[in-house]
């Protein structure tokens, strides 16, 4: 229906990286969550990024948002929640990294849109040719690759610092 109208829609995409060890990242420069957000924002059409509970964290109390720790049945420490998306203080916790981001509707729509030409005259612009009603299918592969690149950098940095 959207394609036939010549319009477009945005989307929200979530990527989850499992198996990331605790300790990757840094408390000030090179925060893992900041590096992930920067990488996602560098992808075309991305307009918002959130880690873990993201924007919803603003609606939580400190008690609700805290990722508390307890011992599991084997005596190993474990978190009781993952509101912070696997990153605390810029450093990975060993939990799943959870990153969500929004992509805007594509601007290449078939509906005429108001603009101004190079001479300062009001006019209309119309996109012709190929039309993607949503970038979601193309963005998933880019997001997975970008996440992998950030994690490779974090691993290399961690290895260089820790041996």
N, C-alpha and C. Protein backbone atom coordinates (compact mmCIF):
# COMPACT_ATOMS: atom_id res chain seq x y z
N UNK A 1 0.83 -1.19 0.00
CA UNK A 1 0.00 0.00 0.00
C UNK A 1 0.87 1.26 0.00
N UNK A 2 1.91 1.28 0.82
CA UNK A 2 2.80 2.44 0.89
C UNK A 2 3.53 2.61 -0.44
N UNK A 3 4.04 1.51 -0.99
CA UNK A 3 4.77 1.58 -2.27
C UNK A 3 3.86 2.09 -3.38
N UNK A 4 2.63 1.59 -3.43
CA UNK A 4 1.70 2.01 -4.48
C UNK A 4 1.36 3.48 -4.36
N UNK A 5 1.33 4.00 -3.13
CA UNK A 5 1.07 5.42 -2.92
C UNK A 5 2.29 6.27 -3.28
N UNK A 6 3.44 5.61 -3.42
CA UNK A 6 4.67 6.35 -3.70
C UNK A 6 5.26 7.00 -2.48
N UNK A 7 4.86 6.51 -1.29
CA UNK A 7 5.35 7.09 -0.05
C UNK A 7 6.36 6.15 0.61
N UNK A 8 6.71 6.41 1.86
CA UNK A 8 7.67 5.59 2.57
C UNK A 8 7.38 5.62 4.06
N UNK A 9 7.98 4.69 4.79
CA UNK A 9 7.83 4.62 6.24
C UNK A 9 9.20 4.38 6.88
N UNK A 10 9.30 4.73 8.14
CA UNK A 10 10.50 4.46 8.91
C UNK A 10 10.39 3.12 9.62
N UNK A 11 11.35 2.83 10.48
CA UNK A 11 11.34 1.56 11.20
C UNK A 11 12.23 1.65 12.43
N UNK A 12 12.02 0.71 13.34
CA UNK A 12 12.90 0.54 14.49
C UNK A 12 13.53 -0.84 14.35
N UNK A 13 14.85 -0.89 14.49
CA UNK A 13 15.60 -2.13 14.34
C UNK A 13 16.35 -2.38 15.64
N UNK A 14 16.38 -3.65 16.06
CA UNK A 14 17.12 -4.02 17.27
C UNK A 14 18.19 -5.03 16.90
N UNK A 15 19.37 -4.82 17.43
CA UNK A 15 20.45 -5.79 17.26
C UNK A 15 20.88 -6.24 18.65
N UNK A 16 21.06 -7.54 18.80
CA UNK A 16 21.49 -8.10 20.08
C UNK A 16 22.78 -8.89 19.82
N UNK A 17 23.82 -8.55 20.56
CA UNK A 17 25.09 -9.26 20.46
C UNK A 17 25.29 -10.07 21.73
N UNK A 18 25.30 -11.38 21.57
CA UNK A 18 25.47 -12.28 22.72
C UNK A 18 26.92 -12.77 22.79
N UNK A 19 27.34 -13.11 23.98
CA UNK A 19 28.67 -13.68 24.16
C UNK A 19 29.79 -12.66 24.28
N UNK A 20 29.46 -11.39 24.41
CA UNK A 20 30.49 -10.37 24.59
C UNK A 20 30.99 -10.45 26.03
N UNK A 21 32.28 -10.65 26.23
CA UNK A 21 32.79 -10.79 27.59
C UNK A 21 32.68 -9.50 28.40
N UNK A 22 32.65 -9.62 29.69
CA UNK A 22 32.68 -8.46 30.57
C UNK A 22 34.05 -7.79 30.48
N UNK A 23 34.06 -6.48 30.58
CA UNK A 23 35.32 -5.74 30.65
C UNK A 23 35.74 -5.00 29.40
N UNK A 24 35.00 -5.12 28.31
CA UNK A 24 35.36 -4.38 27.09
C UNK A 24 34.81 -2.96 27.20
N UNK A 25 35.58 -2.00 26.73
CA UNK A 25 35.16 -0.61 26.77
C UNK A 25 36.02 0.18 27.73
N UNK A 26 35.55 1.36 28.08
CA UNK A 26 36.31 2.24 28.96
C UNK A 26 35.33 3.14 29.72
N UNK A 27 35.75 3.62 30.89
CA UNK A 27 34.83 4.45 31.68
C UNK A 27 34.72 5.90 31.19
N UNK A 28 35.64 6.37 30.38
CA UNK A 28 35.57 7.76 29.91
C UNK A 28 35.66 7.80 28.40
N UNK A 29 36.86 7.75 27.85
CA UNK A 29 37.03 7.76 26.40
C UNK A 29 36.90 6.33 25.89
N UNK A 30 36.18 6.14 24.81
CA UNK A 30 36.01 4.80 24.26
C UNK A 30 34.96 3.98 24.98
N UNK A 31 33.96 4.64 25.58
CA UNK A 31 32.85 3.91 26.20
C UNK A 31 32.21 3.02 25.15
N UNK A 32 31.95 1.78 25.50
CA UNK A 32 31.40 0.83 24.53
C UNK A 32 30.03 1.28 24.02
N UNK A 33 29.18 1.77 24.90
CA UNK A 33 27.86 2.22 24.44
C UNK A 33 27.97 3.46 23.56
N UNK A 34 28.91 4.34 23.84
CA UNK A 34 29.11 5.52 23.00
C UNK A 34 29.63 5.12 21.62
N UNK A 35 30.55 4.15 21.59
CA UNK A 35 31.08 3.67 20.31
C UNK A 35 29.98 3.02 19.47
N UNK A 36 29.11 2.24 20.12
CA UNK A 36 27.99 1.62 19.41
C UNK A 36 27.03 2.68 18.87
N UNK A 37 26.70 3.66 19.70
CA UNK A 37 25.79 4.73 19.25
C UNK A 37 26.40 5.51 18.10
N UNK A 38 27.67 5.84 18.18
CA UNK A 38 28.35 6.56 17.11
C UNK A 38 28.31 5.77 15.81
N UNK A 39 28.58 4.48 15.90
CA UNK A 39 28.58 3.64 14.71
C UNK A 39 27.18 3.58 14.09
N UNK A 40 26.16 3.42 14.91
CA UNK A 40 24.79 3.35 14.38
C UNK A 40 24.38 4.68 13.74
N UNK A 41 24.75 5.78 14.38
CA UNK A 41 24.39 7.10 13.84
C UNK A 41 25.12 7.40 12.54
N UNK A 42 26.20 6.68 12.25
CA UNK A 42 26.92 6.91 11.00
C UNK A 42 26.26 6.21 9.81
N UNK A 43 25.26 5.37 10.07
CA UNK A 43 24.54 4.69 8.99
C UNK A 43 23.48 5.63 8.44
N UNK A 44 23.39 5.71 7.11
CA UNK A 44 22.41 6.59 6.48
C UNK A 44 21.01 6.31 7.00
N UNK A 45 20.23 7.35 7.19
CA UNK A 45 18.82 7.33 7.59
C UNK A 45 18.59 7.08 9.07
N UNK A 46 19.63 6.75 9.85
CA UNK A 46 19.45 6.54 11.28
C UNK A 46 19.27 7.89 11.96
N UNK A 47 18.22 7.99 12.78
CA UNK A 47 17.91 9.25 13.47
C UNK A 47 17.86 9.13 14.98
N UNK A 48 17.88 7.92 15.50
CA UNK A 48 17.86 7.75 16.95
C UNK A 48 18.46 6.42 17.34
N UNK A 49 19.17 6.40 18.48
CA UNK A 49 19.80 5.17 18.98
C UNK A 49 19.51 5.06 20.47
N UNK A 50 19.24 3.85 20.91
CA UNK A 50 19.10 3.63 22.35
C UNK A 50 19.74 2.30 22.72
N UNK A 51 20.31 2.28 23.91
CA UNK A 51 20.97 1.09 24.44
C UNK A 51 20.11 0.59 25.60
N UNK A 52 19.81 -0.70 25.61
CA UNK A 52 19.00 -1.26 26.69
C UNK A 52 17.61 -0.65 26.72
N UNK A 53 17.19 -0.21 27.90
CA UNK A 53 15.86 0.41 28.04
C UNK A 53 15.77 1.74 27.30
N UNK A 54 16.91 2.34 27.01
CA UNK A 54 16.95 3.57 26.21
C UNK A 54 16.07 4.67 26.74
N UNK A 55 15.22 5.21 25.87
CA UNK A 55 14.35 6.33 26.24
C UNK A 55 13.37 5.95 27.35
N UNK A 56 12.99 4.69 27.41
CA UNK A 56 12.07 4.25 28.46
C UNK A 56 12.70 4.33 29.85
N UNK A 57 14.03 4.37 29.93
CA UNK A 57 14.71 4.47 31.23
C UNK A 57 14.31 5.76 31.96
N UNK A 58 13.94 6.79 31.20
CA UNK A 58 13.54 8.05 31.82
C UNK A 58 12.25 7.91 32.62
N UNK A 59 11.46 6.88 32.33
CA UNK A 59 10.20 6.65 33.04
C UNK A 59 10.37 5.73 34.25
N UNK A 60 11.57 5.18 34.42
CA UNK A 60 11.81 4.24 35.51
C UNK A 60 12.40 4.97 36.71
N UNK A 61 12.21 4.39 37.88
CA UNK A 61 12.89 4.89 39.06
C UNK A 61 14.29 4.27 39.11
N UNK A 62 15.12 4.75 39.98
CA UNK A 62 16.45 4.18 40.14
C UNK A 62 16.39 2.71 40.53
N UNK A 63 15.42 2.37 41.38
CA UNK A 63 15.26 0.98 41.80
C UNK A 63 14.84 0.09 40.63
N UNK A 64 13.96 0.59 39.77
CA UNK A 64 13.48 -0.19 38.63
C UNK A 64 14.55 -0.36 37.56
N UNK A 65 15.37 0.67 37.38
CA UNK A 65 16.36 0.64 36.30
C UNK A 65 17.64 -0.10 36.67
N UNK A 66 17.95 -0.19 37.96
CA UNK A 66 19.21 -0.81 38.40
C UNK A 66 19.28 -2.27 37.99
N UNK A 67 20.40 -2.65 37.40
CA UNK A 67 20.64 -4.05 37.04
C UNK A 67 21.36 -4.70 38.21
N UNK A 68 20.55 -5.22 39.14
CA UNK A 68 21.11 -5.81 40.36
C UNK A 68 21.81 -7.13 40.06
N UNK A 69 22.70 -7.49 40.97
CA UNK A 69 23.45 -8.75 40.85
C UNK A 69 23.15 -9.66 42.03
N UNK A 70 23.11 -10.93 41.73
CA UNK A 70 22.93 -11.98 42.72
C UNK A 70 23.82 -13.15 42.32
N UNK A 71 23.90 -14.16 43.16
CA UNK A 71 24.61 -15.39 42.81
C UNK A 71 23.61 -16.39 42.26
N UNK A 72 23.99 -17.09 41.19
CA UNK A 72 23.12 -18.14 40.65
C UNK A 72 23.29 -19.42 41.47
N UNK A 73 22.64 -20.50 41.04
CA UNK A 73 22.67 -21.76 41.77
C UNK A 73 24.09 -22.34 41.91
N UNK A 74 24.97 -21.97 40.95
CA UNK A 74 26.35 -22.46 40.99
C UNK A 74 27.30 -21.51 41.72
N UNK A 75 26.75 -20.44 42.30
CA UNK A 75 27.57 -19.49 43.03
C UNK A 75 28.26 -18.45 42.15
N UNK A 76 27.84 -18.38 40.89
CA UNK A 76 28.42 -17.38 39.98
C UNK A 76 27.55 -16.11 39.99
N UNK A 77 28.18 -14.95 39.89
CA UNK A 77 27.37 -13.72 39.87
C UNK A 77 26.55 -13.63 38.57
N UNK A 78 25.33 -13.12 38.71
CA UNK A 78 24.47 -12.91 37.54
C UNK A 78 23.63 -11.65 37.77
N UNK A 79 23.24 -11.03 36.70
CA UNK A 79 22.37 -9.87 36.76
C UNK A 79 20.92 -10.32 36.76
N UNK A 80 20.07 -9.59 37.46
CA UNK A 80 18.65 -9.93 37.51
C UNK A 80 17.85 -9.21 36.42
N UNK A 81 18.47 -8.27 35.71
CA UNK A 81 17.82 -7.56 34.60
C UNK A 81 18.90 -7.03 33.66
N UNK A 82 18.48 -6.46 32.55
CA UNK A 82 19.44 -5.91 31.59
C UNK A 82 18.92 -4.57 31.05
N UNK A 83 18.49 -3.70 31.93
CA UNK A 83 17.99 -2.39 31.52
C UNK A 83 19.05 -1.52 30.87
N UNK A 84 20.31 -1.78 31.19
CA UNK A 84 21.39 -0.97 30.64
C UNK A 84 22.00 -1.58 29.39
N UNK A 85 21.37 -2.57 28.83
CA UNK A 85 21.77 -3.11 27.54
C UNK A 85 23.13 -3.76 27.49
N UNK A 86 23.59 -4.29 28.62
CA UNK A 86 24.87 -4.99 28.64
C UNK A 86 26.08 -4.09 28.80
N UNK A 87 25.83 -2.80 29.12
CA UNK A 87 26.94 -1.86 29.32
C UNK A 87 26.67 -1.03 30.56
N UNK A 88 27.59 -1.01 31.48
CA UNK A 88 27.51 -0.17 32.67
C UNK A 88 28.80 0.64 32.76
N UNK A 89 28.67 1.95 32.90
CA UNK A 89 29.84 2.81 33.01
C UNK A 89 30.74 2.75 31.79
N UNK A 90 30.17 2.43 30.63
CA UNK A 90 30.95 2.37 29.40
C UNK A 90 31.65 1.04 29.17
N UNK A 91 31.46 0.09 30.08
CA UNK A 91 32.16 -1.19 30.02
C UNK A 91 31.15 -2.33 29.93
N UNK A 92 31.43 -3.31 29.08
CA UNK A 92 30.52 -4.45 28.91
C UNK A 92 30.40 -5.24 30.20
N UNK A 93 29.19 -5.77 30.44
CA UNK A 93 28.91 -6.52 31.67
C UNK A 93 28.95 -8.03 31.46
N UNK A 94 29.03 -8.47 30.22
CA UNK A 94 28.94 -9.89 29.92
C UNK A 94 27.52 -10.31 29.54
N UNK A 95 26.57 -9.41 29.72
CA UNK A 95 25.20 -9.66 29.30
C UNK A 95 25.07 -9.38 27.80
N UNK A 96 23.91 -9.73 27.24
CA UNK A 96 23.66 -9.38 25.83
C UNK A 96 23.74 -7.87 25.66
N UNK A 97 24.41 -7.44 24.59
CA UNK A 97 24.38 -6.03 24.22
C UNK A 97 23.10 -5.80 23.42
N UNK A 98 22.30 -4.84 23.83
CA UNK A 98 21.02 -4.58 23.17
C UNK A 98 21.02 -3.14 22.67
N UNK A 99 20.97 -3.00 21.33
CA UNK A 99 20.98 -1.68 20.70
C UNK A 99 19.77 -1.60 19.76
N UNK A 100 18.99 -0.53 19.92
CA UNK A 100 17.88 -0.26 19.01
C UNK A 100 18.10 1.08 18.36
N UNK A 101 17.64 1.19 17.13
CA UNK A 101 17.74 2.49 16.48
C UNK A 101 16.59 2.66 15.50
N UNK A 102 16.31 3.92 15.22
CA UNK A 102 15.22 4.22 14.28
C UNK A 102 15.81 4.74 12.99
N UNK A 103 15.16 4.37 11.90
CA UNK A 103 15.52 4.91 10.59
C UNK A 103 14.35 5.72 10.09
N UNK A 104 14.65 6.82 9.46
CA UNK A 104 13.60 7.71 8.95
C UNK A 104 13.00 7.13 7.67
N UNK A 105 11.82 7.58 7.31
CA UNK A 105 11.27 7.19 6.01
C UNK A 105 12.19 7.71 4.90
N UNK A 106 12.33 6.95 3.83
CA UNK A 106 13.18 7.41 2.73
C UNK A 106 12.62 8.69 2.14
N UNK A 107 13.51 9.57 1.78
CA UNK A 107 13.07 10.85 1.20
C UNK A 107 12.76 10.73 -0.28
N UNK A 108 13.15 9.63 -0.90
CA UNK A 108 12.89 9.44 -2.34
C UNK A 108 11.47 8.91 -2.53
N UNK A 109 10.49 9.82 -2.40
CA UNK A 109 9.09 9.46 -2.58
C UNK A 109 8.58 10.06 -3.89
N UNK A 110 7.51 9.48 -4.39
CA UNK A 110 6.98 9.91 -5.69
C UNK A 110 6.05 11.12 -5.59
N UNK A 111 5.68 11.50 -4.38
CA UNK A 111 4.82 12.65 -4.17
C UNK A 111 5.63 13.94 -4.35
N UNK A 112 5.14 14.89 -5.15
CA UNK A 112 5.87 16.15 -5.30
C UNK A 112 6.04 16.85 -3.94
N UNK A 113 7.24 17.36 -3.69
CA UNK A 113 7.55 18.06 -2.44
C UNK A 113 8.07 19.45 -2.74
N UNK A 114 7.71 20.41 -1.90
CA UNK A 114 8.14 21.80 -2.09
C UNK A 114 9.62 21.93 -1.79
N UNK A 115 10.30 22.74 -2.61
CA UNK A 115 11.72 23.00 -2.41
C UNK A 115 12.05 24.38 -3.00
N UNK A 116 13.29 24.72 -2.96
CA UNK A 116 13.77 25.97 -3.55
C UNK A 116 14.92 25.62 -4.48
N UNK A 117 14.92 26.18 -5.70
CA UNK A 117 15.98 25.86 -6.66
C UNK A 117 17.23 26.71 -6.40
N UNK A 118 18.28 26.49 -7.21
CA UNK A 118 19.56 27.17 -6.99
C UNK A 118 19.48 28.69 -7.17
N UNK A 119 18.43 29.15 -7.84
CA UNK A 119 18.24 30.59 -8.04
C UNK A 119 17.35 31.22 -6.98
N UNK A 120 16.90 30.42 -6.01
CA UNK A 120 16.07 30.93 -4.93
C UNK A 120 14.58 30.95 -5.25
N UNK A 121 14.17 30.24 -6.30
CA UNK A 121 12.76 30.20 -6.66
C UNK A 121 12.09 28.99 -6.01
N UNK A 122 10.87 29.20 -5.54
CA UNK A 122 10.10 28.08 -5.01
C UNK A 122 9.69 27.18 -6.16
N UNK A 123 9.82 25.87 -5.95
CA UNK A 123 9.48 24.90 -6.99
C UNK A 123 9.10 23.58 -6.32
N UNK A 124 8.92 22.54 -7.10
CA UNK A 124 8.63 21.21 -6.57
C UNK A 124 9.67 20.24 -7.10
N UNK A 125 9.91 19.21 -6.31
CA UNK A 125 10.82 18.16 -6.73
C UNK A 125 10.08 16.83 -6.64
N UNK A 126 10.32 15.96 -7.61
CA UNK A 126 9.71 14.64 -7.64
C UNK A 126 10.80 13.62 -7.93
N UNK A 127 10.83 12.56 -7.13
CA UNK A 127 11.79 11.48 -7.36
C UNK A 127 11.21 10.52 -8.37
N UNK A 128 12.02 10.14 -9.33
CA UNK A 128 11.58 9.16 -10.34
C UNK A 128 12.52 7.97 -10.29
N UNK A 129 12.04 6.84 -10.77
CA UNK A 129 12.89 5.66 -10.80
C UNK A 129 12.62 4.75 -9.62
N UNK A 130 13.68 4.04 -9.17
CA UNK A 130 13.55 3.07 -8.09
C UNK A 130 13.05 3.73 -6.82
N UNK A 131 12.17 3.03 -6.13
CA UNK A 131 11.60 3.58 -4.90
C UNK A 131 11.58 2.52 -3.82
N UNK A 132 12.31 2.74 -2.73
CA UNK A 132 12.28 1.85 -1.57
C UNK A 132 11.30 2.43 -0.56
N UNK A 133 10.22 1.74 -0.25
CA UNK A 133 9.27 2.29 0.71
C UNK A 133 9.79 2.27 2.15
N UNK A 134 10.86 1.48 2.42
CA UNK A 134 11.45 1.41 3.76
C UNK A 134 12.87 0.86 3.64
N UNK A 135 13.79 1.44 4.41
CA UNK A 135 15.18 0.99 4.34
C UNK A 135 15.46 -0.20 5.25
N UNK A 136 14.48 -0.63 6.02
CA UNK A 136 14.67 -1.72 6.98
C UNK A 136 15.38 -2.94 6.40
N UNK A 137 14.92 -3.51 5.28
CA UNK A 137 15.59 -4.73 4.80
C UNK A 137 17.07 -4.52 4.48
N UNK A 138 17.42 -3.36 3.99
CA UNK A 138 18.82 -3.08 3.66
C UNK A 138 19.64 -2.73 4.89
N UNK A 139 18.99 -2.16 5.90
CA UNK A 139 19.71 -1.67 7.08
C UNK A 139 20.16 -2.80 8.01
N UNK A 140 19.43 -3.89 8.06
CA UNK A 140 19.75 -4.97 9.01
C UNK A 140 21.17 -5.48 8.80
N UNK A 141 21.56 -5.73 7.57
CA UNK A 141 22.90 -6.24 7.29
C UNK A 141 23.96 -5.20 7.68
N UNK A 142 23.67 -3.93 7.41
CA UNK A 142 24.63 -2.87 7.76
C UNK A 142 24.80 -2.77 9.27
N UNK A 143 23.71 -2.90 10.00
CA UNK A 143 23.76 -2.80 11.45
C UNK A 143 24.54 -3.96 12.06
N UNK A 144 24.29 -5.15 11.57
CA UNK A 144 25.04 -6.31 12.07
C UNK A 144 26.53 -6.14 11.80
N UNK A 145 26.88 -5.68 10.61
CA UNK A 145 28.29 -5.47 10.27
C UNK A 145 28.90 -4.36 11.12
N UNK A 146 28.18 -3.27 11.31
CA UNK A 146 28.70 -2.15 12.10
C UNK A 146 28.90 -2.57 13.55
N UNK A 147 27.98 -3.34 14.09
CA UNK A 147 28.11 -3.85 15.46
C UNK A 147 29.35 -4.74 15.57
N UNK A 148 29.53 -5.61 14.61
CA UNK A 148 30.70 -6.50 14.60
C UNK A 148 32.00 -5.70 14.55
N UNK A 149 32.03 -4.63 13.75
CA UNK A 149 33.24 -3.79 13.66
C UNK A 149 33.54 -3.12 15.00
N UNK A 150 32.51 -2.59 15.65
CA UNK A 150 32.71 -1.95 16.96
C UNK A 150 33.23 -2.97 17.97
N UNK A 151 32.66 -4.17 17.96
CA UNK A 151 33.09 -5.19 18.90
C UNK A 151 34.51 -5.68 18.60
N UNK A 152 34.87 -5.75 17.33
CA UNK A 152 36.26 -6.11 16.97
C UNK A 152 37.23 -5.05 17.49
N UNK A 153 36.88 -3.79 17.32
CA UNK A 153 37.72 -2.71 17.85
C UNK A 153 37.84 -2.81 19.37
N UNK A 154 36.72 -3.08 20.04
CA UNK A 154 36.74 -3.19 21.51
C UNK A 154 37.61 -4.36 21.94
N UNK A 155 37.52 -5.47 21.23
CA UNK A 155 38.35 -6.64 21.55
C UNK A 155 39.83 -6.32 21.37
N UNK A 156 40.18 -5.67 20.25
CA UNK A 156 41.58 -5.32 19.99
C UNK A 156 42.10 -4.35 21.06
N UNK A 157 41.30 -3.36 21.42
CA UNK A 157 41.70 -2.39 22.43
C UNK A 157 41.89 -3.10 23.78
N UNK A 158 40.95 -3.98 24.12
CA UNK A 158 41.04 -4.73 25.38
C UNK A 158 42.30 -5.60 25.40
N UNK A 159 42.56 -6.29 24.30
CA UNK A 159 43.73 -7.16 24.19
C UNK A 159 45.02 -6.34 24.32
N UNK A 160 45.05 -5.17 23.70
CA UNK A 160 46.23 -4.32 23.78
C UNK A 160 46.49 -3.82 25.21
N UNK A 161 45.41 -3.57 25.93
CA UNK A 161 45.54 -3.04 27.30
C UNK A 161 45.78 -4.14 28.32
N UNK A 162 45.23 -5.33 28.06
CA UNK A 162 45.25 -6.39 29.07
C UNK A 162 46.20 -7.54 28.75
N UNK A 163 46.65 -7.61 27.49
CA UNK A 163 47.54 -8.69 27.10
C UNK A 163 46.84 -9.95 26.72
